All heavy atoms as atom14 arrays in JSON, in Angstrom:
{
  "sequence": "PATGQATPATVPPAPPTALSLEERLVLTNTEMTTRLDEASVAYE",
  "atom14_mask": [
    [1, 1, 1, 1, 1, 1, 1, 0, 0, 0, 0, 0, 0, 0],
    [1, 1, 1, 1, 1, 0, 0, 0, 0, 0, 0, 0, 0, 0],
    [1, 1, 1, 1, 1, 1, 1, 0, 0, 0, 0, 0, 0, 0],
    [1, 1, 1, 1, 0, 0, 0, 0, 0, 0, 0, 0, 0, 0],
    [1, 1, 1, 1, 1, 1, 1, 1, 1, 0, 0, 0, 0, 0],
    [1, 1, 1, 1, 1, 0, 0, 0, 0, 0, 0, 0, 0, 0],
    [1, 1, 1, 1, 1, 1, 1, 0, 0, 0, 0, 0, 0, 0],
    [1, 1, 1, 1, 1, 1, 1, 0, 0, 0, 0, 0, 0, 0],
    [1, 1, 1, 1, 1, 0, 0, 0, 0, 0, 0, 0, 0, 0],
    [1, 1, 1, 1, 1, 1, 1, 0, 0, 0, 0, 0, 0, 0],
    [1, 1, 1, 1, 1, 1, 1, 0, 0, 0, 0, 0, 0, 0],
    [1, 1, 1, 1, 1, 1, 1, 0, 0, 0, 0, 0, 0, 0],
    [1, 1, 1, 1, 1, 1, 1, 0, 0, 0, 0, 0, 0, 0],
    [1, 1, 1, 1, 1, 0, 0, 0, 0, 0, 0, 0, 0, 0],
    [1, 1, 1, 1, 1, 1, 1, 0, 0, 0, 0, 0, 0, 0],
    [1, 1, 1, 1, 1, 1, 1, 0, 0, 0, 0, 0, 0, 0],
    [1, 1, 1, 1, 1, 1, 1, 0, 0, 0, 0, 0, 0, 0],
    [1, 1, 1, 1, 1, 0, 0, 0, 0, 0, 0, 0, 0, 0],
    [1, 1, 1, 1, 1, 1, 1, 1, 0, 0, 0, 0, 0, 0],
    [1, 1, 1, 1, 1, 1, 0, 0, 0, 0, 0, 0, 0, 0],
    [1, 1, 1, 1, 1, 1, 1, 1, 0, 0, 0, 0, 0, 0],
    [1, 1, 1, 1, 1, 1, 1, 1, 1, 0, 0, 0, 0, 0],
    [1, 1, 1, 1, 1, 1, 1, 1, 1, 0, 0, 0, 0, 0],
    [1, 1, 1, 1, 1, 1, 1, 1, 1, 1, 1, 0, 0, 0],
    [1, 1, 1, 1, 1, 1, 1, 1, 0, 0, 0, 0, 0, 0],
    [1, 1, 1, 1, 1, 1, 1, 0, 0, 0, 0, 0, 0, 0],
    [1, 1, 1, 1, 1, 1, 1, 1, 0, 0, 0, 0, 0, 0],
    [1, 1, 1, 1, 1, 1, 1, 0, 0, 0, 0, 0, 0, 0],
    [1, 1, 1, 1, 1, 1, 1, 1, 0, 0, 0, 0, 0, 0],
    [1, 1, 1, 1, 1, 1, 1, 0, 0, 0, 0, 0, 0, 0],
    [1, 1, 1, 1, 1, 1, 1, 1, 1, 0, 0, 0, 0, 0],
    [1, 1, 1, 1, 1, 1, 1, 1, 0, 0, 0, 0, 0, 0],
    [1, 1, 1, 1, 1, 1, 1, 0, 0, 0, 0, 0, 0, 0],
    [1, 1, 1, 1, 1, 1, 1, 0, 0, 0, 0, 0, 0, 0],
    [1, 1, 1, 1, 1, 1, 1, 1, 1, 1, 1, 0, 0, 0],
    [1, 1, 1, 1, 1, 1, 1, 1, 0, 0, 0, 0, 0, 0],
    [1, 1, 1, 1, 1, 1, 1, 1, 0, 0, 0, 0, 0, 0],
    [1, 1, 1, 1, 1, 1, 1, 1, 1, 0, 0, 0, 0, 0],
    [1, 1, 1, 1, 1, 0, 0, 0, 0, 0, 0, 0, 0, 0],
    [1, 1, 1, 1, 1, 1, 0, 0, 0, 0, 0, 0, 0, 0],
    [1, 1, 1, 1, 1, 1, 1, 0, 0, 0, 0, 0, 0, 0],
    [1, 1, 1, 1, 1, 0, 0, 0, 0, 0, 0, 0, 0, 0],
    [1, 1, 1, 1, 1, 1, 1, 1, 1, 1, 1, 1, 0, 0],
    [1, 1, 1, 1, 1, 1, 1, 1, 1, 0, 0, 0, 0, 0]
  ],
  "atom14_positions": [
    [[65.55, 15.26, 18.77], [64.11, 15.42, 18.66], [63.52, 14.47, 17.62], [64.19, 14.09, 16.66], [63.91, 16.88, 18.27], [65.22, 17.34, 17.76], [66.26, 16.46, 18.36], [0.0, 0.0, 0.0], [0.0, 0.0, 0.0], [0.0, 0.0, 0.0], [0.0, 0.0, 0.0], [0.0, 0.0, 0.0], [0.0, 0.0, 0.0], [0.0, 0.0, 0.0]],
    [[62.29, 14.16, 17.85], [61.59, 13.33, 16.88], [61.44, 14.1, 15.58], [61.47, 15.32, 15.57], [60.22, 12.91, 17.42], [0.0, 0.0, 0.0], [0.0, 0.0, 0.0], [0.0, 0.0, 0.0], [0.0, 0.0, 0.0], [0.0, 0.0, 0.0], [0.0, 0.0, 0.0], [0.0, 0.0, 0.0], [0.0, 0.0, 0.0], [0.0, 0.0, 0.0]],
    [[61.28, 13.38, 14.53], [61.26, 14.02, 13.22], [60.07, 14.95, 13.03], [60.16, 15.91, 12.28], [61.22, 12.94, 12.11], [60.15, 12.06, 12.38], [62.53, 12.24, 12.01], [0.0, 0.0, 0.0], [0.0, 0.0, 0.0], [0.0, 0.0, 0.0], [0.0, 0.0, 0.0], [0.0, 0.0, 0.0], [0.0, 0.0, 0.0], [0.0, 0.0, 0.0]],
    [[59.01, 14.84, 13.74], [57.86, 15.7, 13.53], [57.86, 16.92, 14.47], [56.98, 17.76, 14.4], [0.0, 0.0, 0.0], [0.0, 0.0, 0.0], [0.0, 0.0, 0.0], [0.0, 0.0, 0.0], [0.0, 0.0, 0.0], [0.0, 0.0, 0.0], [0.0, 0.0, 0.0], [0.0, 0.0, 0.0], [0.0, 0.0, 0.0], [0.0, 0.0, 0.0]],
    [[58.83, 17.01, 15.38], [58.84, 18.11, 16.34], [59.87, 19.16, 15.95], [60.95, 18.83, 15.48], [59.18, 17.58, 17.73], [58.14, 16.63, 18.27], [58.57, 16.1, 19.63], [59.72, 16.25, 20.01], [57.64, 15.5, 20.34], [0.0, 0.0, 0.0], [0.0, 0.0, 0.0], [0.0, 0.0, 0.0], [0.0, 0.0, 0.0], [0.0, 0.0, 0.0]],
    [[59.51, 20.44, 16.21], [60.44, 21.54, 15.9], [61.16, 21.94, 17.19], [60.6, 21.86, 18.28], [59.69, 22.73, 15.35], [0.0, 0.0, 0.0], [0.0, 0.0, 0.0], [0.0, 0.0, 0.0], [0.0, 0.0, 0.0], [0.0, 0.0, 0.0], [0.0, 0.0, 0.0], [0.0, 0.0, 0.0], [0.0, 0.0, 0.0], [0.0, 0.0, 0.0]],
    [[62.39, 22.34, 17.04], [63.13, 22.81, 18.21], [62.64, 24.22, 18.55], [62.4, 25.03, 17.66], [64.65, 22.83, 17.95], [64.89, 23.66, 16.85], [65.18, 21.45, 17.73], [0.0, 0.0, 0.0], [0.0, 0.0, 0.0], [0.0, 0.0, 0.0], [0.0, 0.0, 0.0], [0.0, 0.0, 0.0], [0.0, 0.0, 0.0], [0.0, 0.0, 0.0]],
    [[62.47, 24.5, 19.83], [62.02, 25.85, 20.18], [63.09, 26.88, 19.82], [64.27, 26.69, 20.12], [61.8, 25.79, 21.68], [62.52, 24.58, 22.16], [62.69, 23.67, 20.99], [0.0, 0.0, 0.0], [0.0, 0.0, 0.0], [0.0, 0.0, 0.0], [0.0, 0.0, 0.0], [0.0, 0.0, 0.0], [0.0, 0.0, 0.0], [0.0, 0.0, 0.0]],
    [[62.67, 27.93, 19.14], [63.61, 28.97, 18.71], [63.74, 30.02, 19.82], [62.76, 30.45, 20.39], [63.12, 29.64, 17.43], [0.0, 0.0, 0.0], [0.0, 0.0, 0.0], [0.0, 0.0, 0.0], [0.0, 0.0, 0.0], [0.0, 0.0, 0.0], [0.0, 0.0, 0.0], [0.0, 0.0, 0.0], [0.0, 0.0, 0.0], [0.0, 0.0, 0.0]],
    [[64.95, 30.41, 20.12], [65.17, 31.47, 21.11], [65.3, 32.78, 20.36], [66.08, 32.91, 19.43], [66.44, 31.21, 21.93], [67.52, 31.08, 21.05], [66.29, 29.97, 22.79], [0.0, 0.0, 0.0], [0.0, 0.0, 0.0], [0.0, 0.0, 0.0], [0.0, 0.0, 0.0], [0.0, 0.0, 0.0], [0.0, 0.0, 0.0], [0.0, 0.0, 0.0]],
    [[64.49, 33.77, 20.8], [64.5, 35.07, 20.16], [65.45, 35.96, 20.95], [65.31, 36.11, 22.17], [63.08, 35.67, 20.14], [63.08, 37.05, 19.52], [62.14, 34.72, 19.43], [0.0, 0.0, 0.0], [0.0, 0.0, 0.0], [0.0, 0.0, 0.0], [0.0, 0.0, 0.0], [0.0, 0.0, 0.0], [0.0, 0.0, 0.0], [0.0, 0.0, 0.0]],
    [[66.43, 36.54, 20.3], [67.36, 37.42, 21.04], [66.6, 38.66, 21.53], [65.68, 39.13, 20.86], [68.44, 37.77, 20.03], [67.81, 37.54, 18.7], [66.76, 36.48, 18.9], [0.0, 0.0, 0.0], [0.0, 0.0, 0.0], [0.0, 0.0, 0.0], [0.0, 0.0, 0.0], [0.0, 0.0, 0.0], [0.0, 0.0, 0.0], [0.0, 0.0, 0.0]],
    [[66.96, 39.19, 22.71], [66.26, 40.39, 23.19], [66.52, 41.58, 22.27], [67.58, 41.7, 21.65], [66.87, 40.63, 24.58], [68.17, 39.9, 24.58], [68.02, 38.77, 23.58], [0.0, 0.0, 0.0], [0.0, 0.0, 0.0], [0.0, 0.0, 0.0], [0.0, 0.0, 0.0], [0.0, 0.0, 0.0], [0.0, 0.0, 0.0], [0.0, 0.0, 0.0]],
    [[65.54, 42.46, 22.2], [65.67, 43.64, 21.35], [66.71, 44.58, 21.97], [66.78, 44.73, 23.19], [64.33, 44.36, 21.25], [0.0, 0.0, 0.0], [0.0, 0.0, 0.0], [0.0, 0.0, 0.0], [0.0, 0.0, 0.0], [0.0, 0.0, 0.0], [0.0, 0.0, 0.0], [0.0, 0.0, 0.0], [0.0, 0.0, 0.0], [0.0, 0.0, 0.0]],
    [[67.51, 45.22, 21.14], [68.51, 46.14, 21.69], [67.8, 47.33, 22.34], [66.74, 47.77, 21.87], [69.33, 46.56, 20.47], [68.45, 46.29, 19.3], [67.55, 45.17, 19.69], [0.0, 0.0, 0.0], [0.0, 0.0, 0.0], [0.0, 0.0, 0.0], [0.0, 0.0, 0.0], [0.0, 0.0, 0.0], [0.0, 0.0, 0.0], [0.0, 0.0, 0.0]],
    [[68.36, 47.85, 23.44], [67.71, 48.98, 24.1], [67.74, 50.21, 23.2], [68.71, 50.47, 22.49], [68.56, 49.2, 25.36], [69.88, 48.56, 25.06], [69.6, 47.46, 24.08], [0.0, 0.0, 0.0], [0.0, 0.0, 0.0], [0.0, 0.0, 0.0], [0.0, 0.0, 0.0], [0.0, 0.0, 0.0], [0.0, 0.0, 0.0], [0.0, 0.0, 0.0]],
    [[66.66, 50.96, 23.24], [66.59, 52.19, 22.43], [66.96, 53.36, 23.32], [66.63, 53.39, 24.52], [65.19, 52.4, 21.86], [64.26, 52.47, 22.93], [64.8, 51.27, 20.92], [0.0, 0.0, 0.0], [0.0, 0.0, 0.0], [0.0, 0.0, 0.0], [0.0, 0.0, 0.0], [0.0, 0.0, 0.0], [0.0, 0.0, 0.0], [0.0, 0.0, 0.0]],
    [[67.65, 54.3, 22.77], [68.05, 55.48, 23.52], [66.82, 56.35, 23.77], [65.96, 56.5, 22.9], [69.1, 56.26, 22.75], [0.0, 0.0, 0.0], [0.0, 0.0, 0.0], [0.0, 0.0, 0.0], [0.0, 0.0, 0.0], [0.0, 0.0, 0.0], [0.0, 0.0, 0.0], [0.0, 0.0, 0.0], [0.0, 0.0, 0.0], [0.0, 0.0, 0.0]],
    [[66.76, 56.92, 24.99], [65.65, 57.8, 25.34], [65.88, 59.17, 24.72], [67.0, 59.66, 24.64], [65.53, 57.94, 26.85], [65.21, 56.66, 27.63], [65.24, 56.94, 29.13], [63.86, 56.11, 27.22], [0.0, 0.0, 0.0], [0.0, 0.0, 0.0], [0.0, 0.0, 0.0], [0.0, 0.0, 0.0], [0.0, 0.0, 0.0], [0.0, 0.0, 0.0]],
    [[64.8, 59.8, 24.35], [64.92, 61.15, 23.82], [65.14, 62.11, 24.98], [64.98, 61.76, 26.15], [63.64, 61.54, 23.06], [62.57, 61.67, 23.97], [0.0, 0.0, 0.0], [0.0, 0.0, 0.0], [0.0, 0.0, 0.0], [0.0, 0.0, 0.0], [0.0, 0.0, 0.0], [0.0, 0.0, 0.0], [0.0, 0.0, 0.0], [0.0, 0.0, 0.0]],
    [[65.49, 63.33, 24.66], [65.73, 64.33, 25.69], [64.48, 64.55, 26.54], [64.55, 64.61, 27.77], [66.17, 65.66, 25.06], [66.36, 66.82, 26.03], [67.45, 66.51, 27.04], [66.68, 68.09, 25.29], [0.0, 0.0, 0.0], [0.0, 0.0, 0.0], [0.0, 0.0, 0.0], [0.0, 0.0, 0.0], [0.0, 0.0, 0.0], [0.0, 0.0, 0.0]],
    [[63.32, 64.63, 25.9], [62.08, 64.83, 26.63], [61.79, 63.67, 27.57], [61.37, 63.87, 28.72], [60.9, 65.02, 25.66], [60.93, 66.32, 24.89], [61.89, 66.29, 23.7], [62.28, 65.19, 23.25], [62.27, 67.37, 23.24], [0.0, 0.0, 0.0], [0.0, 0.0, 0.0], [0.0, 0.0, 0.0], [0.0, 0.0, 0.0], [0.0, 0.0, 0.0]],
    [[62.03, 62.45, 27.13], [61.8, 61.28, 27.98], [62.75, 61.27, 29.17], [62.36, 60.94, 30.28], [61.96, 60.0, 27.15], [60.87, 59.81, 26.12], [61.16, 58.69, 25.15], [62.35, 58.48, 24.8], [60.2, 58.03, 24.71], [0.0, 0.0, 0.0], [0.0, 0.0, 0.0], [0.0, 0.0, 0.0], [0.0, 0.0, 0.0], [0.0, 0.0, 0.0]],
    [[64.01, 61.65, 28.93], [64.97, 61.72, 30.04], [64.58, 62.79, 31.04], [64.7, 62.61, 32.25], [66.38, 61.97, 29.52], [66.98, 60.75, 28.83], [68.38, 60.99, 28.41], [68.36, 62.07, 27.42], [69.41, 62.57, 26.81], [70.6, 62.12, 27.08], [69.3, 63.53, 25.93], [0.0, 0.0, 0.0], [0.0, 0.0, 0.0], [0.0, 0.0, 0.0]],
    [[64.09, 63.95, 30.54], [63.65, 65.02, 31.44], [62.46, 64.58, 32.28], [62.4, 64.86, 33.48], [63.32, 66.28, 30.64], [64.52, 67.03, 30.06], [64.04, 68.16, 29.16], [65.41, 67.57, 31.16], [0.0, 0.0, 0.0], [0.0, 0.0, 0.0], [0.0, 0.0, 0.0], [0.0, 0.0, 0.0], [0.0, 0.0, 0.0], [0.0, 0.0, 0.0]],
    [[61.51, 63.9, 31.67], [60.34, 63.41, 32.41], [60.78, 62.4, 33.46], [60.32, 62.44, 34.61], [59.3, 62.81, 31.44], [58.23, 62.03, 32.18], [58.67, 63.89, 30.58], [0.0, 0.0, 0.0], [0.0, 0.0, 0.0], [0.0, 0.0, 0.0], [0.0, 0.0, 0.0], [0.0, 0.0, 0.0], [0.0, 0.0, 0.0], [0.0, 0.0, 0.0]],
    [[61.68, 61.51, 33.09], [62.18, 60.51, 34.03], [62.92, 61.17, 35.19], [62.69, 60.84, 36.37], [63.11, 59.53, 33.29], [63.65, 58.37, 34.11], [62.51, 57.48, 34.57], [64.65, 57.56, 33.28], [0.0, 0.0, 0.0], [0.0, 0.0, 0.0], [0.0, 0.0, 0.0], [0.0, 0.0, 0.0], [0.0, 0.0, 0.0], [0.0, 0.0, 0.0]],
    [[63.76, 62.13, 34.89], [64.5, 62.84, 35.94], [63.56, 63.63, 36.83], [63.7, 63.64, 38.06], [65.55, 63.78, 35.31], [66.43, 63.0, 34.51], [66.36, 64.5, 36.37], [0.0, 0.0, 0.0], [0.0, 0.0, 0.0], [0.0, 0.0, 0.0], [0.0, 0.0, 0.0], [0.0, 0.0, 0.0], [0.0, 0.0, 0.0], [0.0, 0.0, 0.0]],
    [[62.57, 64.29, 36.24], [61.58, 65.05, 37.01], [60.83, 64.13, 37.97], [60.62, 64.46, 39.14], [60.61, 65.76, 36.08], [59.64, 66.65, 36.82], [59.96, 67.18, 37.88], [58.46, 66.81, 36.27], [0.0, 0.0, 0.0], [0.0, 0.0, 0.0], [0.0, 0.0, 0.0], [0.0, 0.0, 0.0], [0.0, 0.0, 0.0], [0.0, 0.0, 0.0]],
    [[60.42, 62.97, 37.49], [59.71, 62.01, 38.33], [60.59, 61.54, 39.48], [60.15, 61.47, 40.63], [59.25, 60.81, 37.48], [58.46, 61.28, 36.39], [58.45, 59.83, 38.3], [0.0, 0.0, 0.0], [0.0, 0.0, 0.0], [0.0, 0.0, 0.0], [0.0, 0.0, 0.0], [0.0, 0.0, 0.0], [0.0, 0.0, 0.0], [0.0, 0.0, 0.0]],
    [[61.85, 61.24, 39.18], [62.78, 60.78, 40.21], [63.04, 61.87, 41.25], [63.04, 61.6, 42.45], [64.09, 60.35, 39.56], [65.09, 59.79, 40.55], [66.38, 59.36, 39.88], [66.38, 59.11, 38.67], [67.39, 59.3, 40.58], [0.0, 0.0, 0.0], [0.0, 0.0, 0.0], [0.0, 0.0, 0.0], [0.0, 0.0, 0.0], [0.0, 0.0, 0.0]],
    [[63.22, 63.11, 40.82], [63.48, 64.21, 41.75], [62.24, 64.51, 42.6], [62.35, 64.8, 43.8], [63.93, 65.46, 41.0], [65.31, 65.34, 40.38], [66.6, 64.83, 41.52], [66.6, 66.18, 42.68], [0.0, 0.0, 0.0], [0.0, 0.0, 0.0], [0.0, 0.0, 0.0], [0.0, 0.0, 0.0], [0.0, 0.0, 0.0], [0.0, 0.0, 0.0]],
    [[61.06, 64.43, 42.01], [59.83, 64.64, 42.77], [59.7, 63.59, 43.87], [59.36, 63.92, 45.01], [58.6, 64.6, 41.84], [58.75, 65.62, 40.84], [57.31, 64.82, 42.6], [0.0, 0.0, 0.0], [0.0, 0.0, 0.0], [0.0, 0.0, 0.0], [0.0, 0.0, 0.0], [0.0, 0.0, 0.0], [0.0, 0.0, 0.0], [0.0, 0.0, 0.0]],
    [[60.02, 62.36, 43.54], [59.98, 61.29, 44.54], [60.98, 61.56, 45.65], [60.66, 61.44, 46.84], [60.28, 59.93, 43.87], [59.34, 59.71, 42.82], [60.22, 58.8, 44.88], [0.0, 0.0, 0.0], [0.0, 0.0, 0.0], [0.0, 0.0, 0.0], [0.0, 0.0, 0.0], [0.0, 0.0, 0.0], [0.0, 0.0, 0.0], [0.0, 0.0, 0.0]],
    [[62.2, 61.94, 45.31], [63.22, 62.25, 46.32], [62.8, 63.41, 47.21], [62.98, 63.39, 48.42], [64.55, 62.58, 45.65], [65.26, 61.39, 45.08], [66.6, 61.81, 44.52], [67.31, 60.72, 43.92], [68.51, 60.81, 43.4], [69.15, 61.96, 43.41], [69.09, 59.76, 42.87], [0.0, 0.0, 0.0], [0.0, 0.0, 0.0], [0.0, 0.0, 0.0]],
    [[62.23, 64.47, 46.6], [61.8, 65.62, 47.39], [60.64, 65.27, 48.31], [60.57, 65.74, 49.45], [61.42, 66.78, 46.46], [62.59, 67.47, 45.76], [62.07, 68.45, 44.72], [63.47, 68.17, 46.76], [0.0, 0.0, 0.0], [0.0, 0.0, 0.0], [0.0, 0.0, 0.0], [0.0, 0.0, 0.0], [0.0, 0.0, 0.0], [0.0, 0.0, 0.0]],
    [[59.73, 64.43, 47.83], [58.62, 63.99, 48.68], [59.14, 63.18, 49.87], [58.69, 63.36, 51.01], [57.62, 63.16, 47.87], [56.81, 64.0, 46.89], [56.78, 65.24, 47.05], [56.21, 63.41, 45.97], [0.0, 0.0, 0.0], [0.0, 0.0, 0.0], [0.0, 0.0, 0.0], [0.0, 0.0, 0.0], [0.0, 0.0, 0.0], [0.0, 0.0, 0.0]],
    [[60.1, 62.3, 49.62], [60.69, 61.52, 50.71], [61.43, 62.41, 51.7], [61.32, 62.23, 52.91], [61.64, 60.46, 50.14], [60.96, 59.34, 49.4], [61.93, 58.41, 48.69], [63.16, 58.64, 48.72], [61.44, 57.44, 48.09], [0.0, 0.0, 0.0], [0.0, 0.0, 0.0], [0.0, 0.0, 0.0], [0.0, 0.0, 0.0], [0.0, 0.0, 0.0]],
    [[62.15, 63.42, 51.19], [62.87, 64.33, 52.07], [61.89, 65.16, 52.89], [62.13, 65.44, 54.07], [63.79, 65.24, 51.25], [0.0, 0.0, 0.0], [0.0, 0.0, 0.0], [0.0, 0.0, 0.0], [0.0, 0.0, 0.0], [0.0, 0.0, 0.0], [0.0, 0.0, 0.0], [0.0, 0.0, 0.0], [0.0, 0.0, 0.0], [0.0, 0.0, 0.0]],
    [[60.78, 65.56, 52.3], [59.77, 66.33, 53.02], [59.17, 65.52, 54.16], [59.0, 66.02, 55.27], [58.68, 66.77, 52.04], [57.65, 67.43, 52.73], [0.0, 0.0, 0.0], [0.0, 0.0, 0.0], [0.0, 0.0, 0.0], [0.0, 0.0, 0.0], [0.0, 0.0, 0.0], [0.0, 0.0, 0.0], [0.0, 0.0, 0.0], [0.0, 0.0, 0.0]],
    [[58.87, 64.27, 53.89], [58.33, 63.4, 54.93], [59.37, 63.19, 56.03], [59.06, 63.27, 57.22], [57.88, 62.05, 54.34], [57.56, 61.05, 55.43], [56.67, 62.25, 53.43], [0.0, 0.0, 0.0], [0.0, 0.0, 0.0], [0.0, 0.0, 0.0], [0.0, 0.0, 0.0], [0.0, 0.0, 0.0], [0.0, 0.0, 0.0], [0.0, 0.0, 0.0]],
    [[60.63, 62.97, 55.66], [61.69, 62.78, 56.65], [61.85, 64.02, 57.5], [62.03, 63.94, 58.73], [63.0, 62.43, 55.95], [0.0, 0.0, 0.0], [0.0, 0.0, 0.0], [0.0, 0.0, 0.0], [0.0, 0.0, 0.0], [0.0, 0.0, 0.0], [0.0, 0.0, 0.0], [0.0, 0.0, 0.0], [0.0, 0.0, 0.0], [0.0, 0.0, 0.0]],
    [[61.77, 65.2, 56.9], [61.88, 66.46, 57.65], [60.73, 66.58, 58.65], [60.93, 66.94, 59.81], [61.89, 67.65, 56.69], [61.9, 68.97, 57.4], [63.08, 69.5, 57.9], [60.73, 69.69, 57.58], [63.09, 70.71, 58.57], [60.73, 70.91, 58.25], [61.91, 71.4, 58.74], [61.92, 72.59, 59.41], [0.0, 0.0, 0.0], [0.0, 0.0, 0.0]],
    [[59.52, 66.29, 58.21], [58.36, 66.37, 59.09], [58.51, 65.4, 60.26], [58.21, 65.75, 61.4], [57.07, 66.07, 58.31], [56.71, 67.11, 57.29], [56.38, 68.47, 57.92], [55.8, 68.49, 59.03], [56.7, 69.49, 57.3], [0.0, 0.0, 0.0], [0.0, 0.0, 0.0], [0.0, 0.0, 0.0], [0.0, 0.0, 0.0], [0.0, 0.0, 0.0]]
  ]
}
């Protein structure tokens, strides 16, 4: 690189944070609701 230019810095990705119990329950509830809705439509 030329002397006046900076090399682009690569930022490492942030480590994943663990979900709390409440967040996991909400995620599971959402996923199960979606599955049940799909099963209901398939049954109909």
